[in-house]
Amino acid sequence: MTESPPLPPPEGLCVLHLFYRVERGIWETLDDRQRTAARAALDALVDETREMPGTQLLTFAMLTPKADLGFMLLTPDPGIALDVEKRLGSVLGAEVISPAYSYLSMTERSEYTTSEAEYARTIEQEEGLVAGTPAHAEAVEAWRTRMAKYLKDRLYPRLPGWPLVCFYPMSKRRGEVKNWFALPFEERKRLMGGHARTGRKWHGRILQLITGSTGLDSDEWGVTLLAHELADLKGIIYEMRFDPVSADYGEFGDFFVGLQLPAGEILRRVGL
């Protein structure tokens, strides 16, 4: 057999959220030597994965009984994602953990991002900057710099070790009365602009990564939130549900909330 060639997407990263339950009855059949070896194997796998080019692995102890352990893998190659997923499922020993939930998505651009031409018109109309003047050119160049960073952060994020993480899948409604995809593009873009302004009020308290999953999993997007305070996770989700994009068109899956910790500490927290 030959090794499969890499299959990186044209841009962006593969993102895999994995959640597991601990099968305590199986764990209790292991002796002390086997348990020590299992803990060391997980530490080694986490370290090895984090050393792969362009790859990140976040590790969580979950806060609700829906799952005990959580992982978020970001990598440029779906082959790496497959390999890491299989190894994580067995690294603690056969059947010690069992899958509770998984979600596959990709980092992606937003189709509603302001274009350079739109920004140029805005500063002409709202700030009186005349096209062709040094002031106008300076403002446009500053916008290009901001947008380059925004796009890099969206497509190739480097997620920080903030202590709290929340993940949930979501889709836009296709009902008989409210159908997001039947709206004209400009109306969708206007609504998403207001939605983004609501989210920006939480800058510094919430870091949000939206990944696309149309055709990859059961919903259309995955939302990952990182925070320092549990109340901030609750607060941003509560506030944004009053925004028309969520109130009229949002459909949400289950929420998975956990503590981002080193692998060894996670095992201690869940009693392994």
C-alpha atoms as a PDB file:
ATOM      1  CA  MET A   1       0.000   0.000   0.000  1.00  0.00           C
ATOM      2  CA  THR A   2       1.214   3.505  -0.791  1.00  0.00           C
ATOM      3  CA  GLU A   3       0.729   6.488   1.501  1.00  0.00           C
ATOM      4  CA  SER A   4      -2.224   8.689   0.520  1.00  0.00           C
ATOM      5  CA  PRO A   5      -1.213  12.072  -0.909  1.00  0.00           C
ATOM      6  CA  PRO A   6      -2.112  15.210   1.079  1.00  0.00           C
ATOM      7  CA  LEU A   7      -5.482  16.767   0.225  1.00  0.00           C
ATOM      8  CA  PRO A   8      -5.260  20.338   1.516  1.00  0.00           C
ATOM      9  CA  PRO A   9      -8.112  22.680   0.563  1.00  0.00           C
ATOM     10  CA  PRO A  10      -7.279  25.640  -1.711  1.00  0.00           C
ATOM     11  CA  GLU A  11      -7.441  27.849   1.387  1.00  0.00           C
ATOM     12  CA  GLY A  12      -8.356  27.447   5.019  1.00  0.00           C
ATOM     13  CA  LEU A  13      -8.188  24.565   7.472  1.00  0.00           C
ATOM     14  CA  CYS A  14     -10.135  21.416   8.248  1.00  0.00           C
ATOM     15  CA  VAL A  15     -11.758  21.677  11.686  1.00  0.00           C
ATOM     16  CA  LEU A  16     -12.862  18.648  13.681  1.00  0.00           C
ATOM     17  CA  HIS A  17     -14.668  18.865  17.022  1.00  0.00           C
ATOM     18  CA  LEU A  18     -14.611  15.570  18.948  1.00  0.00           C
ATOM     19  CA  PHE A  19     -16.378  14.773  22.207  1.00  0.00           C
ATOM     20  CA  TYR A  20     -16.094  11.515  24.154  1.00  0.00           C
ATOM     21  CA  ARG A  21     -17.635   9.795  27.151  1.00  0.00           C
ATOM     22  CA  VAL A  22     -15.458   7.893  29.592  1.00  0.00           C
ATOM     23  CA  GLU A  23     -16.385   4.226  30.009  1.00  0.00           C
ATOM     24  CA  ARG A  24     -15.417   3.950  33.672  1.00  0.00           C
ATOM     25  CA  GLY A  25     -16.140   0.240  33.867  1.00  0.00           C
ATOM     26  CA  ILE A  26     -13.506  -0.411  31.197  1.00  0.00           C
ATOM     27  CA  TRP A  27     -10.997   1.950  32.841  1.00  0.00           C
ATOM     28  CA  GLU A  28     -11.387   0.179  36.180  1.00  0.00           C
ATOM     29  CA  THR A  29     -10.293  -3.111  34.607  1.00  0.00           C
ATOM     30  CA  LEU A  30      -6.849  -1.612  33.872  1.00  0.00           C
ATOM     31  CA  ASP A  31      -4.050  -2.013  36.387  1.00  0.00           C
ATOM     32  CA  ASP A  32      -1.871   0.880  37.581  1.00  0.00           C
ATOM     33  CA  ARG A  33       0.819   0.229  34.975  1.00  0.00           C
ATOM     34  CA  GLN A  34      -1.711   0.260  32.132  1.00  0.00           C
ATOM     35  CA  ARG A  35      -3.326   3.455  33.420  1.00  0.00           C
ATOM     36  CA  THR A  36       0.021   5.228  33.686  1.00  0.00           C
ATOM     37  CA  ALA A  37       0.905   4.131  30.160  1.00  0.00           C
ATOM     38  CA  ALA A  38      -2.480   5.339  28.850  1.00  0.00           C
ATOM     39  CA  ARG A  39      -2.048   8.801  30.392  1.00  0.00           C
ATOM     40  CA  ALA A  40       1.457   9.077  28.947  1.00  0.00           C
ATOM     41  CA  ALA A  41       0.217   7.974  25.517  1.00  0.00           C
ATOM     42  CA  LEU A  42      -2.415  10.733  25.448  1.00  0.00           C
ATOM     43  CA  ASP A  43       0.151  13.354  26.448  1.00  0.00           C
ATOM     44  CA  ALA A  44       2.490  12.133  23.722  1.00  0.00           C
ATOM     45  CA  LEU A  45      -0.246  12.141  21.061  1.00  0.00           C
ATOM     46  CA  VAL A  46      -1.309  15.677  21.963  1.00  0.00           C
ATOM     47  CA  ASP A  47       2.303  16.887  21.790  1.00  0.00           C
ATOM     48  CA  GLU A  48       2.933  15.071  18.500  1.00  0.00           C
ATOM     49  CA  THR A  49      -0.219  16.509  16.928  1.00  0.00           C
ATOM     50  CA  ARG A  50       0.644  20.042  17.989  1.00  0.00           C
ATOM     51  CA  GLU A  51       4.027  19.716  16.301  1.00  0.00           C
ATOM     52  CA  MET A  52       2.464  18.922  12.904  1.00  0.00           C
ATOM     53  CA  PRO A  53       2.771  21.834  10.428  1.00  0.00           C
ATOM     54  CA  GLY A  54      -0.160  24.224  10.572  1.00  0.00           C
ATOM     55  CA  THR A  55      -2.001  22.060  13.102  1.00  0.00           C
ATOM     56  CA  GLN A  56      -3.590  22.950  16.443  1.00  0.00           C
ATOM     57  CA  LEU A  57      -5.223  20.671  19.008  1.00  0.00           C
ATOM     58  CA  LEU A  58      -7.260  22.143  21.846  1.00  0.00           C
ATOM     59  CA  THR A  59      -8.179  19.880  24.774  1.00  0.00           C
ATOM     60  CA  PHE A  60     -11.196  20.263  27.078  1.00  0.00           C
ATOM     61  CA  ALA A  61     -12.773  18.823  30.188  1.00  0.00           C
ATOM     62  CA  MET A  62     -16.510  19.095  29.555  1.00  0.00           C
ATOM     63  CA  LEU A  63     -18.902  20.735  32.017  1.00  0.00           C
ATOM     64  CA  THR A  64     -22.061  18.750  31.280  1.00  0.00           C
ATOM     65  CA  PRO A  65     -22.833  14.991  31.200  1.00  0.00           C
ATOM     66  CA  LYS A  66     -23.235  15.087  27.421  1.00  0.00           C
ATOM     67  CA  ALA A  67     -19.488  14.364  27.214  1.00  0.00           C
ATOM     68  CA  ASP A  68     -16.425  14.039  29.448  1.00  0.00           C
ATOM     69  CA  LEU A  69     -13.554  14.911  27.104  1.00  0.00           C
ATOM     70  CA  GLY A  70     -13.411  17.310  24.180  1.00  0.00           C
ATOM     71  CA  PHE A  71     -10.919  18.074  21.423  1.00  0.00           C
ATOM     72  CA  MET A  72     -10.815  20.685  18.677  1.00  0.00           C
ATOM     73  CA  LEU A  73      -8.439  19.900  15.825  1.00  0.00           C
ATOM     74  CA  LEU A  74      -7.475  22.447  13.156  1.00  0.00           C
ATOM     75  CA  THR A  75      -5.243  21.135  10.386  1.00  0.00           C
ATOM     76  CA  PRO A  76      -4.557  21.804   6.691  1.00  0.00           C
ATOM     77  CA  ASP A  77      -5.056  18.172   5.620  1.00  0.00           C
ATOM     78  CA  PRO A  78      -8.155  15.979   6.075  1.00  0.00           C
ATOM     79  CA  GLY A  79      -5.843  12.970   6.108  1.00  0.00           C
ATOM     80  CA  ILE A  80      -4.234  14.294   9.279  1.00  0.00           C
ATOM     81  CA  ALA A  81      -7.694  14.855  10.753  1.00  0.00           C
ATOM     82  CA  LEU A  82      -8.653  11.240  10.034  1.00  0.00           C
ATOM     83  CA  ASP A  83      -5.432   9.881  11.527  1.00  0.00           C
ATOM     84  CA  VAL A  84      -5.636  11.981  14.705  1.00  0.00           C
ATOM     85  CA  GLU A  85      -9.317  11.170  15.202  1.00  0.00           C
ATOM     86  CA  LYS A  86      -8.677   7.417  15.034  1.00  0.00           C
ATOM     87  CA  ARG A  87      -5.715   7.642  17.378  1.00  0.00           C
ATOM     88  CA  LEU A  88      -7.525   9.806  19.929  1.00  0.00           C
ATOM     89  CA  GLY A  89     -10.368   7.297  20.088  1.00  0.00           C
ATOM     90  CA  SER A  90      -8.058   4.465  21.107  1.00  0.00           C
ATOM     91  CA  VAL A  91      -5.094   6.143  22.808  1.00  0.00           C
ATOM     92  CA  LEU A  92      -6.343   5.486  26.361  1.00  0.00           C
ATOM     93  CA  GLY A  93      -6.983   1.824  25.595  1.00  0.00           C
ATOM     94  CA  ALA A  94      -9.609  -0.170  23.739  1.00  0.00           C
ATOM     95  CA  GLU A  95     -13.120   1.157  24.504  1.00  0.00           C
ATOM     96  CA  VAL A  96     -11.977   3.333  27.448  1.00  0.00           C
ATOM     97  CA  ILE A  97     -13.663   6.292  25.760  1.00  0.00           C
ATOM     98  CA  SER A  98     -16.581   6.237  23.339  1.00  0.00           C
ATOM     99  CA  PRO A  99     -17.726   8.913  20.876  1.00  0.00           C
ATOM    100  CA  ALA A 100     -20.438  11.238  22.193  1.00  0.00           C
ATOM    101  CA  TYR A 101     -20.544  13.778  19.350  1.00  0.00           C
ATOM    102  CA  SER A 102     -18.398  14.966  16.460  1.00  0.00           C
ATOM    103  CA  TYR A 103     -18.554  17.771  13.939  1.00  0.00           C
ATOM    104  CA  LEU A 104     -16.590  18.425  10.723  1.00  0.00           C
ATOM    105  CA  SER A 105     -16.226  21.882   9.208  1.00  0.00           C
ATOM    106  CA  MET A 106     -13.734  24.214   7.512  1.00  0.00           C
ATOM    107  CA  THR A 107     -12.505  27.729   8.080  1.00  0.00           C
ATOM    108  CA  GLU A 108     -13.845  29.935   5.311  1.00  0.00           C
ATOM    109  CA  ARG A 109     -14.340  33.471   4.069  1.00  0.00           C
ATOM    110  CA  SER A 110     -17.600  35.276   4.705  1.00  0.00           C
ATOM    111  CA  GLU A 111     -19.540  36.116   1.570  1.00  0.00           C
ATOM    112  CA  TYR A 112     -20.871  39.202   3.355  1.00  0.00           C
ATOM    113  CA  THR A 113     -17.498  40.896   3.916  1.00  0.00           C
ATOM    114  CA  THR A 114     -17.342  44.529   2.786  1.00  0.00           C
ATOM    115  CA  SER A 115     -15.493  44.927  -0.504  1.00  0.00           C
ATOM    116  CA  GLU A 116     -12.887  47.613  -1.141  1.00  0.00           C
ATOM    117  CA  ALA A 117     -15.230  49.415  -3.558  1.00  0.00           C
ATOM    118  CA  GLU A 118     -18.012  49.402  -0.945  1.00  0.00           C
ATOM    119  CA  TYR A 119     -15.666  50.756   1.715  1.00  0.00           C
ATOM    120  CA  ALA A 120     -14.418  53.488  -0.644  1.00  0.00           C
ATOM    121  CA  ARG A 121     -17.995  54.611  -1.329  1.00  0.00           C
ATOM    122  CA  THR A 122     -18.800  54.588   2.394  1.00  0.00           C
ATOM    123  CA  ILE A 123     -15.947  56.909   3.357  1.00  0.00           C
ATOM    124  CA  GLU A 124     -16.842  59.208   0.471  1.00  0.00           C
ATOM    125  CA  GLN A 125     -20.475  59.424   1.553  1.00  0.00           C
ATOM    126  CA  GLU A 126     -20.102  59.363   5.345  1.00  0.00           C
ATOM    127  CA  GLU A 127     -16.713  61.016   5.907  1.00  0.00           C
ATOM    128  CA  GLY A 128     -16.497  63.293   2.880  1.00  0.00           C
ATOM    129  CA  LEU A 129     -13.190  61.852   1.700  1.00  0.00           C
ATOM    130  CA  VAL A 130     -12.819  62.492  -2.014  1.00  0.00           C
ATOM    131  CA  ALA A 131     -11.524  59.661  -4.199  1.00  0.00           C
ATOM    132  CA  GLY A 132      -8.014  60.355  -5.482  1.00  0.00           C
ATOM    133  CA  THR A 133      -6.987  62.479  -2.513  1.00  0.00           C
ATOM    134  CA  PRO A 134      -4.181  61.454  -0.107  1.00  0.00           C
ATOM    135  CA  ALA A 135      -6.649  61.216   2.789  1.00  0.00           C
ATOM    136  CA  HIS A 136      -8.895  58.849   0.825  1.00  0.00           C
ATOM    137  CA  ALA A 137      -5.946  56.694  -0.266  1.00  0.00           C
ATOM    138  CA  GLU A 138      -4.627  56.535   3.304  1.00  0.00           C
ATOM    139  CA  ALA A 139      -8.010  55.402   4.630  1.00  0.00           C
ATOM    140  CA  VAL A 140      -8.321  52.710   1.949  1.00  0.00           C
ATOM    141  CA  GLU A 141      -4.798  51.429   2.632  1.00  0.00           C
ATOM    142  CA  ALA A 142      -5.537  51.215   6.372  1.00  0.00           C
ATOM    143  CA  TRP A 143      -8.706  49.250   5.508  1.00  0.00           C
ATOM    144  CA  ARG A 144      -6.664  46.818   3.369  1.00  0.00           C
ATOM    145  CA  THR A 145      -4.319  46.193   6.288  1.00  0.00           C
ATOM    146  CA  ARG A 146      -7.218  45.512   8.663  1.00  0.00           C
ATOM    147  CA  MET A 147      -8.929  43.214   6.172  1.00  0.00           C
ATOM    148  CA  ALA A 148      -5.748  41.223   5.518  1.00  0.00           C
ATOM    149  CA  LYS A 149      -5.467  40.513   9.255  1.00  0.00           C
ATOM    150  CA  TYR A 150      -9.191  39.722   9.494  1.00  0.00           C
ATOM    151  CA  LEU A 151      -8.975  37.232   6.626  1.00  0.00           C
ATOM    152  CA  LYS A 152      -5.864  35.572   8.041  1.00  0.00           C
ATOM    153  CA  ASP A 153      -7.495  35.258  11.464  1.00  0.00           C
ATOM    154  CA  ARG A 154     -10.594  33.732   9.891  1.00  0.00           C
ATOM    155  CA  LEU A 155      -8.871  31.283   7.544  1.00  0.00           C
ATOM    156  CA  TYR A 156      -5.790  30.422   9.627  1.00  0.00           C
ATOM    157  CA  PRO A 157      -6.672  31.275  13.228  1.00  0.00           C
ATOM    158  CA  ARG A 158      -4.290  30.773  16.128  1.00  0.00           C
ATOM    159  CA  LEU A 159      -6.650  30.072  18.990  1.00  0.00           C
ATOM    160  CA  PRO A 160      -5.530  31.178  22.457  1.00  0.00           C
ATOM    161  CA  GLY A 161      -5.582  29.155  25.646  1.00  0.00           C
ATOM    162  CA  TRP A 162      -8.585  30.988  27.104  1.00  0.00           C
ATOM    163  CA  PRO A 163     -10.109  28.838  29.856  1.00  0.00           C
ATOM    164  CA  LEU A 164     -13.663  28.388  28.561  1.00  0.00           C
ATOM    165  CA  VAL A 165     -14.876  27.016  25.246  1.00  0.00           C
ATOM    166  CA  CYS A 166     -18.371  26.656  23.807  1.00  0.00           C
ATOM    167  CA  PHE A 167     -19.211  24.874  20.575  1.00  0.00           C
ATOM    168  CA  TYR A 168     -22.562  24.562  18.815  1.00  0.00           C
ATOM    169  CA  PRO A 169     -23.748  23.893  15.262  1.00  0.00           C
ATOM    170  CA  MET A 170     -26.284  26.133  13.568  1.00  0.00           C
ATOM    171  CA  SER A 171     -28.208  26.571  10.345  1.00  0.00           C
ATOM    172  CA  LYS A 172     -30.382  29.231   8.751  1.00  0.00           C
ATOM    173  CA  ARG A 173     -34.121  28.598   8.584  1.00  0.00           C
ATOM    174  CA  ARG A 174     -35.764  27.388   5.390  1.00  0.00           C
ATOM    175  CA  GLY A 175     -39.368  27.562   6.613  1.00  0.00           C
ATOM    176  CA  GLU A 176     -42.434  28.420   4.587  1.00  0.00           C
ATOM    177  CA  VAL A 177     -42.690  31.877   6.174  1.00  0.00           C
ATOM    178  CA  LYS A 178     -39.057  32.629   7.020  1.00  0.00           C
ATOM    179  CA  ASN A 179     -36.501  31.370   4.490  1.00  0.00           C
ATOM    180  CA  TRP A 180     -33.014  32.861   4.760  1.00  0.00           C
ATOM    181  CA  PHE A 181     -31.938  31.540   1.389  1.00  0.00           C
ATOM    182  CA  ALA A 182     -34.929  33.107  -0.368  1.00  0.00           C
ATOM    183  CA  LEU A 183     -33.861  36.596   0.731  1.00  0.00           C
ATOM    184  CA  PRO A 184     -32.011  38.786  -1.787  1.00  0.00           C
ATOM    185  CA  PHE A 185     -28.255  38.847  -1.215  1.00  0.00           C
ATOM    186  CA  GLU A 186     -28.199  42.538  -0.307  1.00  0.00           C
ATOM    187  CA  GLU A 187     -30.848  41.984   2.386  1.00  0.00           C
ATOM    188  CA  ARG A 188     -28.884  39.068   3.831  1.00  0.00           C
ATOM    189  CA  LYS A 189     -25.745  41.188   3.807  1.00  0.00           C
ATOM    190  CA  ARG A 190     -27.528  44.069   5.571  1.00  0.00           C
ATOM    191  CA  LEU A 191     -28.842  41.738   8.277  1.00  0.00           C
ATOM    192  CA  MET A 192     -25.456  40.106   8.770  1.00  0.00           C
ATOM    193  CA  GLY A 193     -23.864  43.537   9.145  1.00  0.00           C
ATOM    194  CA  GLY A 194     -26.131  44.262  12.112  1.00  0.00           C
ATOM    195  CA  HIS A 195     -25.445  40.808  13.526  1.00  0.00           C
ATOM    196  CA  ALA A 196     -21.691  41.443  13.353  1.00  0.00           C
ATOM    197  CA  ARG A 197     -22.016  44.819  15.099  1.00  0.00           C
ATOM    198  CA  THR A 198     -23.766  43.101  17.999  1.00  0.00           C
ATOM    199  CA  GLY A 199     -20.965  40.556  18.247  1.00  0.00           C
ATOM    200  CA  ARG A 200     -18.219  43.201  18.148  1.00  0.00           C
ATOM    201  CA  LYS A 201     -19.490  44.652  21.422  1.00  0.00           C
ATOM    202  CA  TRP A 202     -18.025  41.555  23.088  1.00  0.00           C
ATOM    203  CA  HIS A 203     -14.522  42.114  21.697  1.00  0.00           C
ATOM    204  CA  GLY A 204     -11.869  41.209  24.245  1.00  0.00           C
ATOM    205  CA  ARG A 205     -14.277  39.060  26.237  1.00  0.00           C
ATOM    206  CA  ILE A 206     -15.298  36.585  23.506  1.00  0.00           C
ATOM    207  CA  LEU A 207     -13.257  35.173  20.640  1.00  0.00           C
ATOM    208  CA  GLN A 208     -15.522  33.700  17.964  1.00  0.00           C
ATOM    209  CA  LEU A 209     -14.643  31.370  15.092  1.00  0.00           C
ATOM    210  CA  ILE A 210     -17.356  30.455  12.590  1.00  0.00           C
ATOM    211  CA  THR A 211     -16.570  27.498  10.335  1.00  0.00           C
ATOM    212  CA  GLY A 212     -18.517  26.246   7.343  1.00  0.00           C
ATOM    213  CA  SER A 213     -20.011  22.756   7.174  1.00  0.00           C
ATOM    214  CA  THR A 214     -22.521  22.785   4.306  1.00  0.00           C
ATOM    215  CA  GLY A 215     -22.209  19.366   2.710  1.00  0.00           C
ATOM    216  CA  LEU A 216     -19.783  18.189   5.407  1.00  0.00           C
ATOM    217  CA  ASP A 217     -22.045  17.679   8.414  1.00  0.00           C
ATOM    218  CA  SER A 218     -25.647  17.958   9.557  1.00  0.00           C
ATOM    219  CA  ASP A 219     -25.748  21.760   9.916  1.00  0.00           C
ATOM    220  CA  GLU A 220     -24.373  24.646   7.871  1.00  0.00           C
ATOM    221  CA  TRP A 221     -21.934  26.226  10.317  1.00  0.00           C
ATOM    222  CA  GLY A 222     -20.063  25.425  13.489  1.00  0.00           C
ATOM    223  CA  VAL A 223     -19.587  28.181  16.068  1.00  0.00           C
ATOM    224  CA  THR A 224     -16.691  28.055  18.534  1.00  0.00           C
ATOM    225  CA  LEU A 225     -16.547  30.651  21.314  1.00  0.00           C
ATOM    226  CA  LEU A 226     -13.610  31.140  23.677  1.00  0.00           C
ATOM    227  CA  ALA A 227     -14.033  33.178  26.861  1.00  0.00           C
ATOM    228  CA  HIS A 228     -12.596  33.988  30.270  1.00  0.00           C
ATOM    229  CA  GLU A 229     -15.957  34.051  32.087  1.00  0.00           C
ATOM    230  CA  LEU A 230     -18.892  31.644  31.881  1.00  0.00           C
ATOM    231  CA  ALA A 231     -21.281  34.594  32.180  1.00  0.00           C
ATOM    232  CA  ASP A 232     -19.840  36.078  28.981  1.00  0.00           C
ATOM    233  CA  LEU A 233     -20.635  32.913  27.017  1.00  0.00           C
ATOM    234  CA  LYS A 234     -24.186  33.044  28.269  1.00  0.00           C
ATOM    235  CA  GLY A 235     -24.392  36.786  27.738  1.00  0.00           C
ATOM    236  CA  ILE A 236     -23.333  36.967  24.103  1.00  0.00           C
ATOM    237  CA  ILE A 237     -25.572  34.091  23.055  1.00  0.00           C
ATOM    238  CA  TYR A 238     -28.535  35.588  24.908  1.00  0.00           C
ATOM    239  CA  GLU A 239     -28.006  39.056  23.409  1.00  0.00           C
ATOM    240  CA  MET A 240     -27.479  37.871  19.856  1.00  0.00           C
ATOM    241  CA  ARG A 241     -30.659  35.787  19.911  1.00  0.00           C
ATOM    242  CA  PHE A 242     -32.615  39.051  19.870  1.00  0.00           C
ATOM    243  CA  ASP A 243     -30.875  40.069  16.667  1.00  0.00           C
ATOM    244  CA  PRO A 244     -33.138  39.438  13.620  1.00  0.00           C
ATOM    245  CA  VAL A 245     -30.601  37.051  12.056  1.00  0.00           C
ATOM    246  CA  SER A 246     -30.974  34.725  15.049  1.00  0.00           C
ATOM    247  CA  ALA A 247     -34.517  35.554  16.119  1.00  0.00           C
ATOM    248  CA  ASP A 248     -36.035  35.076  12.657  1.00  0.00           C
ATOM    249  CA  TYR A 249     -33.637  32.730  10.913  1.00  0.00           C
ATOM    250  CA  GLY A 250     -31.358  30.948  13.403  1.00  0.00           C
ATOM    251  CA  GLU A 251     -31.654  27.229  14.199  1.00  0.00           C
ATOM    252  CA  PHE A 252     -29.260  25.853  16.812  1.00  0.00           C
ATOM    253  CA  GLY A 253     -28.008  22.429  17.792  1.00  0.00           C
ATOM    254  CA  ASP A 254     -26.726  21.245  21.155  1.00  0.00           C
ATOM    255  CA  PHE A 255     -24.242  23.361  23.100  1.00  0.00           C
ATOM    256  CA  PHE A 256     -21.003  21.801  24.373  1.00  0.00           C
ATOM    257  CA  VAL A 257     -19.162  23.797  27.045  1.00  0.00           C
ATOM    258  CA  GLY A 258     -15.823  22.865  28.547  1.00  0.00           C
ATOM    259  CA  LEU A 259     -12.673  23.995  30.319  1.00  0.00           C
ATOM    260  CA  GLN A 260      -9.560  24.248  28.144  1.00  0.00           C
ATOM    261  CA  LEU A 261      -6.823  22.475  30.110  1.00  0.00           C
ATOM    262  CA  PRO A 262      -3.663  20.403  29.555  1.00  0.00           C
ATOM    263  CA  ALA A 263      -4.395  16.763  28.727  1.00  0.00           C
ATOM    264  CA  GLY A 264      -3.077  15.463  32.066  1.00  0.00           C
ATOM    265  CA  GLU A 265      -5.254  17.873  34.030  1.00  0.00           C
ATOM    266  CA  ILE A 266      -8.297  16.903  31.966  1.00  0.00           C
ATOM    267  CA  LEU A 267      -7.796  13.253  32.845  1.00  0.00           C
ATOM    268  CA  ARG A 268      -7.481  14.159  36.513  1.00  0.00           C
ATOM    269  CA  ARG A 269     -10.678  16.212  36.342  1.00  0.00           C
ATOM    270  CA  VAL A 270     -12.645  13.328  34.860  1.00  0.00           C
ATOM    271  CA  GLY A 271     -11.199  10.795  37.276  1.00  0.00           C
ATOM    272  CA  LEU A 272      -8.766   8.924  34.993  1.00  0.00           C
END
